[in-house]
Amino acid sequence: NNWVGDTLPVPGDNVKITDPAAPNDPVISTNDAVDLGTGAVDVDADSFTINNGGTLTSGGSSVGENAAGTAIVTGKNSTWNTTAMNVGVSYAGTLTIADGGKVSSTVGLIGREGFPGFFTGDGTVKVTGTDSTWAISGDLTFGFLSGGIGTLTIAEGGTVTVAGNTTIARSAGAGGAPDSTGTLNIGSAAGVAPVAPGTFSSSSLAFGAGDGRLTFNHTDLSKNFAFDPAISGKGMIDHLAGYTTLTGDSSGFTGTMTVDGGTLAIQNKLGGDVSVMSKGTLVFNPSSPQTLTYGGEISGSGRVEQAGTGVTVLSGANSY
């Protein structure tokens, strides 16, 4: 069932939104409550919007599976409830959740797979604005198979909650395809002016075998903004602006952290190495009677401080 106009689909329909030449892009809006049951929704070569409190319930959903697609959920109480939310399956897919819009899914996948010269699953999800939420009852992965590219940005009070586990850049390259790539931006992406942060929660956050990155680039200087998930695996953590406190047990992190700007405070165990650039500050903030031991290498020309009431032991190589 190719949905191209104003007639709403019915329960059981498997809906394809694939006609960019149609005079009206499909919209679910005020007083619309569409329940497809197990019917799937595929957004390819077109755009699809839920706004003004409209509601869609569906089976598996994909944005960018057979061609590039865009989906927008915007406005207070505008809601998309689905089983699997897949963005950027084999082509570019974009999902924006804004201004109080809400998406719930059992699992989430951003950027499935790609192969040079043939296809690239490049998924982009942005959750922005107060009360804008993506709630996932299972696991979230971005950069799933080799060649997949996944980016999640959470800003301006938006919230992403993952009841299960989160994996960034799950797979190494294989069969001529490059490593998968995954990026989680809190605030803005690197190279963009910082904005207010959003909130991300997950049972765990693991970097996989691909090219994974976590970026903090935000404007919150209150010292109250915390990033709680335990971080593990060999990835990159970049702190560019704002004041962020890591509260989870990240002793399983084996990558490199760069504090290029702003302040990054460590309140729990941390693995890996840290480079503190001239405009950055690294703060160890254990609470009494805690003793926080950090065994990684600390390098750079920025500031390193002890701020907590507990004890910090630096047992690795450092220039401080």
Protein backbone atom coordinates (compact mmCIF):
# COMPACT_ATOMS: atom_id res chain seq x y z
CA ASN A 1 0.00 0.00 0.00
CA ASN A 2 1.78 3.13 -1.25
CA TRP A 3 0.54 6.02 0.86
CA VAL A 4 0.75 9.21 -1.19
CA GLY A 5 -2.06 11.50 -0.09
CA ASP A 6 -4.50 12.46 2.63
CA THR A 7 -6.33 9.13 3.00
CA LEU A 8 -5.14 7.47 6.18
CA PRO A 9 -4.14 3.79 6.11
CA VAL A 10 -6.04 1.15 8.07
CA PRO A 11 -5.04 -1.64 10.50
CA GLY A 12 -2.99 -4.37 8.84
CA ASP A 13 -1.67 -2.17 6.04
CA ASN A 14 2.04 -2.38 5.25
CA VAL A 15 2.61 1.24 4.32
CA LYS A 16 5.25 2.44 1.86
CA ILE A 17 5.91 6.17 1.57
CA THR A 18 7.87 6.26 -1.68
CA ASP A 19 6.46 8.90 -4.05
CA PRO A 20 8.34 12.24 -3.93
CA ALA A 21 6.27 13.50 -6.89
CA ALA A 22 3.00 13.24 -4.96
CA PRO A 23 1.39 16.67 -4.38
CA ASN A 24 1.10 16.11 -0.62
CA ASP A 25 3.55 14.34 1.66
CA PRO A 26 1.78 12.00 4.09
CA VAL A 27 0.95 13.68 7.39
CA ILE A 28 -0.68 12.40 10.57
CA SER A 29 -1.92 15.45 12.41
CA THR A 30 -4.56 16.84 14.79
CA ASN A 31 -7.13 14.24 15.92
CA ASP A 32 -5.53 11.55 13.73
CA ALA A 33 -4.87 8.28 15.55
CA VAL A 34 -3.68 5.62 13.11
CA ASP A 35 -3.20 2.06 14.39
CA LEU A 36 -1.69 -0.31 11.83
CA GLY A 37 -1.36 -3.18 14.30
CA THR A 38 1.57 -5.24 13.01
CA GLY A 39 1.59 -3.37 9.70
CA ALA A 40 5.02 -1.96 8.81
CA VAL A 41 5.98 1.55 7.70
CA ASP A 42 8.77 2.16 5.14
CA VAL A 43 9.76 5.75 4.36
CA ASP A 44 11.82 5.79 1.14
CA ALA A 45 12.42 8.57 -1.41
CA ASP A 46 9.94 10.78 0.39
CA SER A 47 9.17 12.49 3.71
CA PHE A 48 6.61 11.75 6.39
CA THR A 49 5.43 13.89 9.29
CA ILE A 50 3.51 13.38 12.52
CA ASN A 51 2.56 16.70 14.08
CA ASN A 52 0.01 18.59 16.19
CA GLY A 53 -0.69 15.63 18.47
CA GLY A 54 -1.21 12.97 15.78
CA THR A 55 -0.47 9.34 16.72
CA LEU A 56 0.81 6.37 14.73
CA THR A 57 1.11 2.79 16.02
CA SER A 58 2.84 0.34 13.72
CA GLY A 59 4.93 -2.78 13.41
CA GLY A 60 8.54 -2.54 12.23
CA SER A 61 9.48 0.85 10.81
CA SER A 62 12.31 1.91 8.51
CA VAL A 63 13.49 5.24 7.17
CA GLY A 64 15.92 4.94 4.25
CA GLU A 65 15.76 1.24 3.41
CA ASN A 66 15.36 1.26 -0.37
CA ALA A 67 16.03 4.96 -1.00
CA ALA A 68 16.75 8.04 1.10
CA GLY A 69 13.88 8.98 3.41
CA THR A 70 12.95 11.52 6.09
CA ALA A 71 10.57 11.26 9.03
CA ILE A 72 9.63 14.03 11.47
CA VAL A 73 7.73 13.71 14.74
CA THR A 74 7.12 17.20 16.09
CA GLY A 75 4.85 18.98 18.53
CA LYS A 76 3.40 18.18 21.94
CA ASN A 77 1.94 14.65 22.18
CA SER A 78 2.78 13.80 18.56
CA THR A 79 3.66 10.12 18.88
CA TRP A 80 5.02 7.18 16.90
CA ASN A 81 4.83 3.81 18.68
CA THR A 82 6.60 1.01 16.81
CA THR A 83 8.39 -2.27 17.36
CA ALA A 84 11.74 -1.78 15.57
CA MET A 85 12.84 1.70 14.52
CA ASN A 86 15.48 1.41 11.76
CA VAL A 87 16.97 4.63 10.39
CA GLY A 88 19.45 4.49 7.50
CA VAL A 89 19.13 0.82 6.60
CA SER A 90 20.82 0.77 3.18
CA TYR A 91 20.44 4.43 2.20
CA ALA A 92 20.37 7.78 3.97
CA GLY A 93 17.63 8.04 6.57
CA THR A 94 16.80 10.94 8.87
CA LEU A 95 14.51 10.95 11.90
CA THR A 96 13.87 14.19 13.78
CA ILE A 97 11.99 14.23 17.09
CA ALA A 98 11.33 17.82 18.11
CA ASP A 99 9.27 20.23 20.20
CA GLY A 100 7.71 17.60 22.45
CA GLY A 101 7.36 14.81 19.89
CA LYS A 102 7.66 11.23 21.16
CA VAL A 103 8.85 7.95 19.65
CA SER A 104 8.79 4.60 21.42
CA SER A 105 10.23 1.37 20.07
CA THR A 106 11.31 -2.04 21.28
CA VAL A 107 14.73 -1.69 19.59
CA GLY A 108 16.56 1.04 17.73
CA LEU A 109 19.07 0.83 14.86
CA ILE A 110 20.82 3.79 13.20
CA GLY A 111 22.97 3.05 10.14
CA ARG A 112 22.71 -0.62 9.29
CA GLU A 113 25.32 -1.39 6.60
CA GLY A 114 27.13 -0.12 3.53
CA PHE A 115 29.40 -1.13 0.68
CA PRO A 116 31.48 1.37 -1.32
CA GLY A 117 30.07 2.16 -4.72
CA PHE A 118 26.79 0.35 -4.12
CA PHE A 119 24.91 1.57 -1.05
CA THR A 120 25.44 3.23 2.32
CA GLY A 121 23.14 2.91 5.28
CA ASP A 122 23.67 6.36 6.76
CA GLY A 123 21.26 7.06 9.61
CA THR A 124 20.83 10.35 11.44
CA VAL A 125 18.56 10.84 14.44
CA LYS A 126 18.13 14.14 16.27
CA VAL A 127 16.11 14.48 19.46
CA THR A 128 15.75 18.13 20.40
CA GLY A 129 13.55 20.28 22.60
CA THR A 130 11.98 19.94 26.03
CA ASP A 131 9.81 16.80 26.38
CA SER A 132 11.04 15.39 23.07
CA THR A 133 11.77 11.71 23.73
CA TRP A 134 12.84 8.45 22.16
CA ALA A 135 12.13 5.58 24.57
CA ILE A 136 13.62 2.18 23.68
CA SER A 137 12.59 -0.84 25.74
CA GLY A 138 15.40 -3.03 24.35
CA ASP A 139 18.79 -2.28 22.77
CA LEU A 140 20.10 0.57 20.60
CA THR A 141 22.87 0.21 18.01
CA PHE A 142 24.32 2.80 15.67
CA GLY A 143 26.80 1.73 13.04
CA PHE A 144 25.58 -1.88 13.00
CA LEU A 145 27.32 -3.86 10.23
CA SER A 146 30.45 -2.95 8.26
CA GLY A 147 29.98 0.25 6.27
CA GLY A 148 27.01 1.42 8.33
CA ILE A 149 27.07 5.03 9.57
CA GLY A 150 24.93 6.09 12.52
CA THR A 151 24.68 9.45 14.29
CA LEU A 152 22.50 10.34 17.27
CA THR A 153 22.32 13.94 18.52
CA ILE A 154 20.49 14.84 21.73
CA ALA A 155 20.05 18.54 22.40
CA GLU A 156 18.04 21.33 24.02
CA GLY A 157 16.44 19.15 26.69
CA GLY A 158 15.62 16.16 24.48
CA THR A 159 15.79 12.72 26.07
CA VAL A 160 16.77 9.24 24.86
CA THR A 161 16.24 6.33 27.26
CA VAL A 162 17.48 2.82 26.49
CA ALA A 163 16.32 0.11 28.88
CA GLY A 164 18.78 -2.35 27.35
CA ASN A 165 22.33 -1.84 26.08
CA THR A 166 23.75 0.68 23.64
CA THR A 167 26.48 -0.18 21.13
CA ILE A 168 28.35 2.43 19.09
CA ALA A 169 30.08 1.24 15.88
CA ARG A 170 29.47 -2.45 16.40
CA SER A 171 31.41 -3.97 13.49
CA ALA A 172 34.84 -3.84 11.92
CA GLY A 173 35.19 -3.70 8.15
CA ALA A 174 34.66 -6.90 6.20
CA GLY A 175 34.64 -8.04 2.56
CA GLY A 176 35.90 -4.72 1.24
CA ALA A 177 33.52 -2.63 3.30
CA PRO A 178 34.95 -0.16 5.85
CA ASP A 179 34.46 -0.19 9.60
CA SER A 180 31.05 0.80 10.83
CA THR A 181 30.90 4.34 12.22
CA GLY A 182 28.85 5.53 15.17
CA THR A 183 28.67 8.94 16.84
CA LEU A 184 26.71 10.10 19.88
CA ASN A 185 26.55 13.89 20.23
CA ILE A 186 25.42 15.49 23.47
CA GLY A 187 24.53 19.06 22.52
CA SER A 188 26.03 19.66 19.09
CA ALA A 189 28.32 17.80 16.75
CA ALA A 190 31.98 18.73 16.56
CA GLY A 191 32.57 21.83 14.47
CA VAL A 192 29.14 23.28 15.29
CA ALA A 193 28.38 25.92 17.91
CA PRO A 194 27.44 24.30 21.24
CA VAL A 195 23.82 24.27 22.40
CA ALA A 196 22.08 23.09 25.56
CA PRO A 197 22.52 19.35 26.15
CA GLY A 198 19.97 16.58 26.12
CA THR A 199 19.88 13.54 28.37
CA PHE A 200 20.94 10.02 27.46
CA SER A 201 20.39 7.00 29.71
CA SER A 202 21.20 3.36 29.04
CA SER A 203 22.06 0.23 31.00
CA SER A 204 25.48 0.42 29.36
CA LEU A 205 27.30 2.11 26.50
CA ALA A 206 29.87 -0.01 24.65
CA PHE A 207 32.13 0.91 21.78
CA GLY A 208 32.33 -1.95 19.28
CA ALA A 209 35.00 -2.96 16.77
CA GLY A 210 34.29 -0.04 14.41
CA ASP A 211 34.95 3.70 14.60
CA GLY A 212 32.95 4.95 17.59
CA ARG A 213 32.86 8.42 19.11
CA LEU A 214 31.10 10.19 21.99
CA THR A 215 31.09 14.00 21.78
CA PHE A 216 30.14 16.50 24.47
CA ASN A 217 29.63 19.96 22.95
CA HIS A 218 27.13 21.85 25.05
CA THR A 219 26.50 25.06 26.99
CA ASP A 220 25.63 23.79 30.48
CA LEU A 221 28.15 25.21 32.97
CA SER A 222 26.06 24.61 36.09
CA LYS A 223 28.11 21.59 37.22
CA ASN A 224 24.80 19.71 37.46
CA PHE A 225 24.90 17.98 34.07
CA ALA A 226 25.82 14.30 34.42
CA PHE A 227 26.35 11.46 31.97
CA ASP A 228 25.46 8.29 33.86
CA PRO A 229 25.98 5.21 31.62
CA ALA A 230 28.99 2.97 32.23
CA ILE A 231 31.28 3.26 29.19
CA SER A 232 33.35 0.36 27.83
CA GLY A 233 35.34 -0.55 24.74
CA LYS A 234 37.89 1.18 22.54
CA GLY A 235 36.38 4.37 21.20
CA MET A 236 36.97 8.11 21.28
CA ILE A 237 35.47 10.54 23.79
CA ASP A 238 35.75 14.22 22.88
CA HIS A 239 34.82 16.99 25.32
CA LEU A 240 34.59 20.31 23.48
CA ALA A 241 32.42 22.61 25.62
CA GLY A 242 30.33 22.69 28.79
CA TYR A 243 30.80 21.08 32.20
CA THR A 244 30.10 17.32 32.22
CA THR A 245 30.38 14.82 35.06
CA LEU A 246 30.87 11.13 34.25
CA THR A 247 29.21 9.15 37.05
CA GLY A 248 29.20 5.58 35.70
CA ASP A 249 31.84 2.92 36.24
CA SER A 250 33.85 3.30 33.03
CA SER A 251 36.81 1.15 34.05
CA GLY A 252 36.11 -0.92 30.92
CA PHE A 253 36.86 2.01 28.62
CA THR A 254 40.09 1.34 26.69
CA GLY A 255 40.10 4.19 24.21
CA THR A 256 41.29 7.79 24.30
CA MET A 257 39.54 10.77 25.84
CA THR A 258 40.37 14.30 24.67
CA VAL A 259 39.35 17.33 26.72
CA ASP A 260 39.66 20.00 24.06
CA GLY A 261 37.47 22.56 25.83
CA GLY A 262 35.19 22.97 28.82
CA THR A 263 35.45 20.79 31.93
CA LEU A 264 35.14 17.03 32.22
CA ALA A 265 34.72 15.77 35.79
CA ILE A 266 35.37 12.14 36.76
CA GLN A 267 33.34 10.83 39.68
CA ASN A 268 33.81 7.08 39.21
CA LYS A 269 36.29 4.58 37.78
CA LEU A 270 37.78 5.35 34.38
CA GLY A 271 39.99 3.41 31.97
CA GLY A 272 41.84 4.50 28.85
CA ASP A 273 44.09 7.52 28.38
CA VAL A 274 43.31 11.24 28.58
CA SER A 275 44.72 14.18 26.63
CA VAL A 276 43.92 17.58 28.17
CA MET A 277 44.35 20.38 25.65
CA SER A 278 45.20 23.98 26.54
CA LYS A 279 41.56 25.12 26.77
CA GLY A 280 40.35 22.04 28.63
CA THR A 281 40.10 21.05 32.29
CA LEU A 282 40.02 17.53 33.73
CA VAL A 283 38.62 17.28 37.26
CA PHE A 284 38.72 14.26 39.56
CA ASN A 285 35.74 14.54 41.88
CA PRO A 286 35.49 11.55 44.24
CA SER A 287 33.34 11.84 47.36
CA SER A 288 34.62 10.92 50.81
CA PRO A 289 35.43 8.20 51.81
CA GLN A 290 36.01 7.15 48.19
CA THR A 291 39.51 6.61 46.82
CA LEU A 292 39.54 7.00 43.04
CA THR A 293 42.55 5.44 41.32
CA TYR A 294 43.26 6.29 37.70
CA GLY A 295 46.00 4.27 35.99
CA GLY A 296 45.88 5.69 32.48
CA GLU A 297 48.21 8.20 30.90
CA ILE A 298 47.40 11.90 31.20
CA SER A 299 49.04 14.21 28.67
CA GLY A 300 48.63 17.72 27.31
CA SER A 301 48.92 21.33 28.47
CA GLY A 302 45.48 21.85 30.03
CA ARG A 303 44.45 21.86 33.69
CA VAL A 304 44.06 18.80 35.92
CA GLU A 305 42.37 19.34 39.27
CA GLN A 306 41.25 17.48 42.36
CA ALA A 307 37.85 18.83 43.45
CA GLY A 308 36.15 16.10 45.46
CA THR A 309 36.24 15.39 49.19
CA GLY A 310 37.67 11.92 48.54
CA VAL A 311 41.14 10.80 47.50
CA THR A 312 42.49 10.58 43.94
CA VAL A 313 45.49 8.40 43.10
CA LEU A 314 47.16 8.87 39.71
CA SER A 315 49.17 5.70 39.16
CA GLY A 316 49.85 6.01 35.43
CA ALA A 317 52.24 8.17 33.44
CA ASN A 318 51.39 11.87 33.49
CA SER A 319 53.07 15.24 33.14
CA TYR A 320 51.31 16.87 36.11
